[in-house]
Amino acid sequence: MTVSQFTDRRALVAAAAEQFADLLRGIQADPAGGIHGDGVARVVLTGGTAGIELLSAMATLKDIDFNRVEFFFGDERNVPATHPDSNEGQARAALLSKVNVSAERIHGWGLDGGDMSDQVREYASTVAQHAPRGFDLHLLGMGGEGHINSLFPHTDAVREDTRTTLAVTDSPKPPAERATLTLPAVRSAERVWLLVAGAEKAEAASHVAHGAPAEEWPAAGAQGRAETVLFVSDDAASML
């Protein structure tokens, strides 16, 4: 894991956005770019303050062809995309509704507040169809207890070692019902970037940076095949 430290969340987001843009430019510059060899990036987006601010920063860029990016979502609350709590809805407001990207490139969970079983199965199929070799980048936020996506400490979800998607019905953080990519899905990414800001996350950041057990600190299990970067603000890095 590489640790990149910044004075505050604003500086962290600016640096991550610049590196994200450079990654997309590099993949798109080569007709055989990206892990699928087709010049199309596969990216998993994250919610949270830093994750959405990063997307807002990306929306101003004019030299990125967002129609050559397949967008996925690391997790979703069991609400429609039109709900203000929806990660997809927030991503659309920050970036996806402001750039030229076809609907076929945006892979939402399709939740509606009802039973999630069918959507979770379908999302696993969607990932397998559109990102069979994994993701070029998985963006992640992190909670103060170390959760990523909807994988919380000491839960069956964080212990899942086979399936790529799960329905979570007992999330300790409201709302209780969510759908999530699992650690096997996260680890299929070439690059995993954790965006961590805030003094309340300092203890978790320390455990993650020092390779704690994933069952206790789920973000410690988020490892890219080629690169894992912890983007961390000074206050969140106080215990490193």
Protein backbone atom coordinates (compact mmCIF):
# COMPACT_ATOMS: atom_id res chain seq x y z
CA MET A 1 0.00 0.00 0.00
CA THR A 2 1.17 3.49 -0.89
CA VAL A 3 0.20 6.34 1.44
CA SER A 4 -0.30 9.78 -0.13
CA GLN A 5 -0.87 12.48 2.49
CA PHE A 6 -2.48 15.87 1.95
CA THR A 7 -3.18 18.91 4.11
CA ASP A 8 -6.95 18.58 3.94
CA ARG A 9 -9.84 16.97 2.07
CA ARG A 10 -9.85 19.63 -0.61
CA ALA A 11 -6.21 18.97 -1.52
CA LEU A 12 -6.80 15.22 -1.36
CA VAL A 13 -9.74 15.39 -3.75
CA ALA A 14 -7.86 17.65 -6.17
CA ALA A 15 -4.91 15.24 -6.32
CA ALA A 16 -7.09 12.16 -6.68
CA ALA A 17 -9.12 13.82 -9.44
CA GLU A 18 -5.94 14.72 -11.32
CA GLN A 19 -4.63 11.17 -11.07
CA PHE A 20 -8.02 9.74 -12.06
CA ALA A 21 -8.06 11.97 -15.13
CA ASP A 22 -4.51 10.95 -16.04
CA LEU A 23 -5.47 7.29 -15.75
CA LEU A 24 -8.44 7.73 -18.08
CA ARG A 25 -6.35 9.72 -20.56
CA GLY A 26 -3.73 6.99 -20.61
CA ILE A 27 -6.25 4.22 -21.22
CA GLN A 28 -8.06 6.19 -23.91
CA ALA A 29 -4.84 7.17 -25.70
CA ASP A 30 -4.15 3.53 -26.52
CA PRO A 31 -6.67 1.57 -28.62
CA ALA A 32 -5.58 -1.46 -26.62
CA GLY A 33 -5.51 0.40 -23.31
CA GLY A 34 -6.94 -0.81 -20.03
CA ILE A 35 -7.04 -4.30 -18.63
CA HIS A 36 -9.58 -5.37 -21.26
CA GLY A 37 -7.39 -4.14 -24.10
CA ASP A 38 -10.11 -2.08 -25.77
CA GLY A 39 -9.32 1.48 -24.70
CA VAL A 40 -12.33 1.52 -22.38
CA ALA A 41 -11.85 1.97 -18.62
CA ARG A 42 -13.87 0.01 -16.08
CA VAL A 43 -14.31 2.13 -12.96
CA VAL A 44 -16.18 1.56 -9.70
CA LEU A 45 -17.45 4.78 -8.13
CA THR A 46 -17.93 5.44 -4.44
CA GLY A 47 -20.29 7.64 -2.49
CA GLY A 48 -19.33 9.73 0.51
CA THR A 49 -18.21 13.34 0.66
CA ALA A 50 -14.77 12.91 -0.90
CA GLY A 51 -16.00 10.49 -3.54
CA ILE A 52 -18.73 12.82 -4.75
CA GLU A 53 -16.45 15.86 -4.62
CA LEU A 54 -13.99 13.97 -6.83
CA LEU A 55 -16.74 13.38 -9.39
CA SER A 56 -17.69 17.05 -9.31
CA ALA A 57 -14.07 17.95 -10.07
CA MET A 58 -14.03 15.53 -13.00
CA ALA A 59 -17.14 17.11 -14.52
CA THR A 60 -15.18 20.20 -15.58
CA LEU A 61 -12.70 18.26 -17.75
CA LYS A 62 -13.19 18.58 -21.50
CA ASP A 63 -10.52 16.18 -22.77
CA ILE A 64 -11.94 12.98 -21.25
CA ASP A 65 -14.27 10.82 -23.33
CA PHE A 66 -16.63 9.62 -20.61
CA ASN A 67 -18.42 7.50 -23.18
CA ARG A 68 -15.35 5.27 -23.11
CA VAL A 69 -15.77 4.47 -19.43
CA GLU A 70 -17.92 1.70 -17.97
CA PHE A 71 -19.22 3.00 -14.63
CA PHE A 72 -20.13 0.70 -11.74
CA PHE A 73 -21.11 1.39 -8.13
CA GLY A 74 -19.44 -0.24 -5.14
CA ASP A 75 -22.63 -0.30 -3.14
CA GLU A 76 -26.11 1.13 -3.01
CA ARG A 77 -28.79 1.75 -0.43
CA ASN A 78 -32.08 0.00 -1.12
CA VAL A 79 -33.68 3.08 -2.63
CA PRO A 80 -34.40 4.17 -6.21
CA ALA A 81 -31.70 6.13 -8.02
CA THR A 82 -33.94 9.20 -7.75
CA HIS A 83 -33.75 9.12 -3.93
CA PRO A 84 -31.40 11.70 -2.37
CA ASP A 85 -29.58 8.95 -0.46
CA SER A 86 -28.77 6.97 -3.61
CA ASN A 87 -25.07 6.72 -4.48
CA GLU A 88 -26.01 6.46 -8.14
CA GLY A 89 -28.24 9.50 -7.88
CA GLN A 90 -25.48 11.55 -6.24
CA ALA A 91 -22.98 10.42 -8.89
CA ARG A 92 -25.38 11.40 -11.65
CA ALA A 93 -25.88 14.84 -10.12
CA ALA A 94 -22.14 15.40 -9.65
CA LEU A 95 -20.81 14.02 -12.94
CA LEU A 96 -22.81 11.61 -15.06
CA SER A 97 -25.64 14.00 -15.93
CA LYS A 98 -23.12 16.69 -16.91
CA VAL A 99 -20.99 14.78 -19.41
CA ASN A 100 -21.58 12.87 -22.62
CA VAL A 101 -22.03 9.26 -21.52
CA SER A 102 -24.60 6.82 -22.82
CA ALA A 103 -26.99 5.08 -20.47
CA GLU A 104 -25.49 1.73 -21.47
CA ARG A 105 -22.19 2.72 -19.85
CA ILE A 106 -23.77 3.39 -16.43
CA HIS A 107 -24.38 0.21 -14.49
CA GLY A 108 -26.66 0.98 -11.55
CA TRP A 109 -28.02 -1.58 -9.11
CA GLY A 110 -31.66 -0.90 -10.01
CA LEU A 111 -32.93 -1.10 -6.43
CA ASP A 112 -36.42 0.09 -5.58
CA GLY A 113 -36.92 -0.49 -1.86
CA GLY A 114 -38.25 -4.03 -2.28
CA ASP A 115 -36.59 -7.42 -2.26
CA MET A 116 -33.01 -7.12 -3.52
CA SER A 117 -32.32 -10.74 -4.51
CA ASP A 118 -32.92 -10.42 -8.24
CA GLN A 119 -31.01 -7.16 -8.58
CA VAL A 120 -28.02 -8.52 -6.69
CA ARG A 121 -27.85 -11.58 -8.94
CA GLU A 122 -28.27 -9.42 -12.02
CA TYR A 123 -25.50 -7.09 -10.90
CA ALA A 124 -23.08 -9.99 -10.57
CA SER A 125 -23.97 -10.92 -14.15
CA THR A 126 -23.53 -7.31 -15.27
CA VAL A 127 -20.05 -7.17 -13.76
CA ALA A 128 -19.14 -10.51 -15.33
CA GLN A 129 -20.39 -9.35 -18.73
CA HIS A 130 -18.92 -5.85 -18.85
CA ALA A 131 -15.81 -6.28 -16.68
CA PRO A 132 -14.86 -9.96 -17.01
CA ARG A 133 -11.19 -9.22 -16.32
CA GLY A 134 -11.95 -6.94 -13.38
CA PHE A 135 -11.83 -3.18 -12.97
CA ASP A 136 -9.18 -0.68 -13.95
CA LEU A 137 -9.95 1.31 -10.80
CA HIS A 138 -12.09 0.85 -7.71
CA LEU A 139 -12.62 4.07 -5.76
CA LEU A 140 -13.49 3.69 -2.09
CA GLY A 141 -14.44 5.84 0.83
CA MET A 142 -14.02 4.57 4.38
CA GLY A 143 -16.05 4.90 7.55
CA GLY A 144 -14.64 5.61 10.97
CA GLU A 145 -14.91 1.93 11.89
CA GLY A 146 -13.12 0.96 8.67
CA HIS A 147 -16.07 -0.08 6.52
CA ILE A 148 -15.89 0.12 2.72
CA ASN A 149 -18.79 -0.24 0.29
CA SER A 150 -21.37 -1.89 2.59
CA LEU A 151 -18.84 -4.26 4.15
CA PHE A 152 -18.82 -3.69 7.90
CA PRO A 153 -16.59 -5.21 10.59
CA HIS A 154 -17.45 -8.67 11.92
CA THR A 155 -20.23 -9.34 9.40
CA ASP A 156 -20.91 -12.19 7.01
CA ALA A 157 -20.57 -9.72 4.14
CA VAL A 158 -16.94 -8.88 4.87
CA ARG A 159 -16.16 -12.59 5.25
CA GLU A 160 -17.61 -13.48 1.83
CA ASP A 161 -14.82 -14.99 -0.26
CA THR A 162 -16.58 -16.25 -3.39
CA ARG A 163 -19.50 -14.13 -4.59
CA THR A 164 -18.92 -10.69 -6.11
CA THR A 165 -22.23 -9.16 -4.98
CA LEU A 166 -24.34 -9.44 -1.85
CA ALA A 167 -27.55 -8.17 -0.35
CA VAL A 168 -27.04 -6.73 3.13
CA THR A 169 -30.14 -6.62 5.32
CA ASP A 170 -28.61 -5.76 8.70
CA SER A 171 -26.19 -2.91 8.07
CA PRO A 172 -25.14 -1.33 11.39
CA LYS A 173 -25.24 2.03 9.61
CA PRO A 174 -28.71 3.10 8.47
CA PRO A 175 -30.37 2.23 6.24
CA ALA A 176 -30.15 -1.45 7.10
CA GLU A 177 -30.81 -2.71 3.57
CA ARG A 178 -28.07 -2.31 0.97
CA ALA A 179 -26.44 -4.09 -1.95
CA THR A 180 -22.67 -4.27 -2.20
CA LEU A 181 -19.67 -5.50 -4.09
CA THR A 182 -17.61 -7.87 -1.95
CA LEU A 183 -13.90 -8.06 -1.22
CA PRO A 184 -13.36 -10.56 -4.07
CA ALA A 185 -14.86 -7.98 -6.44
CA VAL A 186 -12.74 -5.18 -4.98
CA ARG A 187 -9.62 -7.30 -5.32
CA SER A 188 -10.34 -7.89 -9.01
CA ALA A 189 -9.39 -4.25 -9.62
CA GLU A 190 -5.96 -3.34 -10.93
CA ARG A 191 -6.00 -0.24 -8.75
CA VAL A 192 -7.76 0.45 -5.47
CA TRP A 193 -7.79 4.01 -4.19
CA LEU A 194 -9.06 4.79 -0.69
CA LEU A 195 -10.14 8.40 -0.09
CA VAL A 196 -9.93 9.06 3.65
CA ALA A 197 -10.36 12.45 5.33
CA GLY A 198 -11.35 13.47 8.85
CA ALA A 199 -9.89 13.04 12.34
CA GLU A 200 -12.61 10.52 13.21
CA LYS A 201 -11.01 8.11 10.71
CA ALA A 202 -7.46 8.28 12.09
CA GLU A 203 -7.59 5.03 14.05
CA ALA A 204 -9.04 3.09 11.13
CA ALA A 205 -6.52 4.60 8.72
CA SER A 206 -3.69 3.45 10.97
CA HIS A 207 -5.01 -0.12 11.12
CA VAL A 208 -5.53 -0.19 7.36
CA ALA A 209 -2.06 1.15 6.60
CA HIS A 210 -0.52 -1.49 8.86
CA GLY A 211 -2.40 -4.44 7.37
CA ALA A 212 -4.92 -5.26 10.09
CA PRO A 213 -7.32 -8.20 9.60
CA ALA A 214 -10.07 -7.35 7.13
CA GLU A 215 -12.76 -8.84 9.37
CA GLU A 216 -11.94 -6.21 11.99
CA TRP A 217 -11.08 -3.35 9.63
CA PRO A 218 -12.64 -4.11 6.22
CA ALA A 219 -10.71 -1.44 4.34
CA ALA A 220 -7.52 -3.36 5.13
CA GLY A 221 -8.79 -6.07 2.79
CA ALA A 222 -9.16 -3.68 -0.14
CA GLN A 223 -6.12 -4.41 -2.25
CA GLY A 224 -5.58 -3.79 -5.93
CA ARG A 225 -3.77 -6.32 -8.09
CA ALA A 226 -1.20 -3.74 -9.20
CA GLU A 227 -1.68 -0.76 -6.91
CA THR A 228 -3.33 0.21 -3.63
CA VAL A 229 -3.22 3.86 -2.60
CA LEU A 230 -4.42 5.42 0.64
CA PHE A 231 -5.17 9.08 -0.09
CA VAL A 232 -5.29 10.54 3.41
CA SER A 233 -5.67 14.02 4.90
CA ASP A 234 -3.39 15.23 7.69
CA ASP A 235 -6.08 14.84 10.35
CA ALA A 236 -6.87 11.28 9.25
CA ALA A 237 -3.14 10.48 9.18
CA SER A 238 -2.45 11.57 12.76
CA MET A 239 -2.01 7.99 14.00
CA LEU A 240 -0.01 6.58 11.09
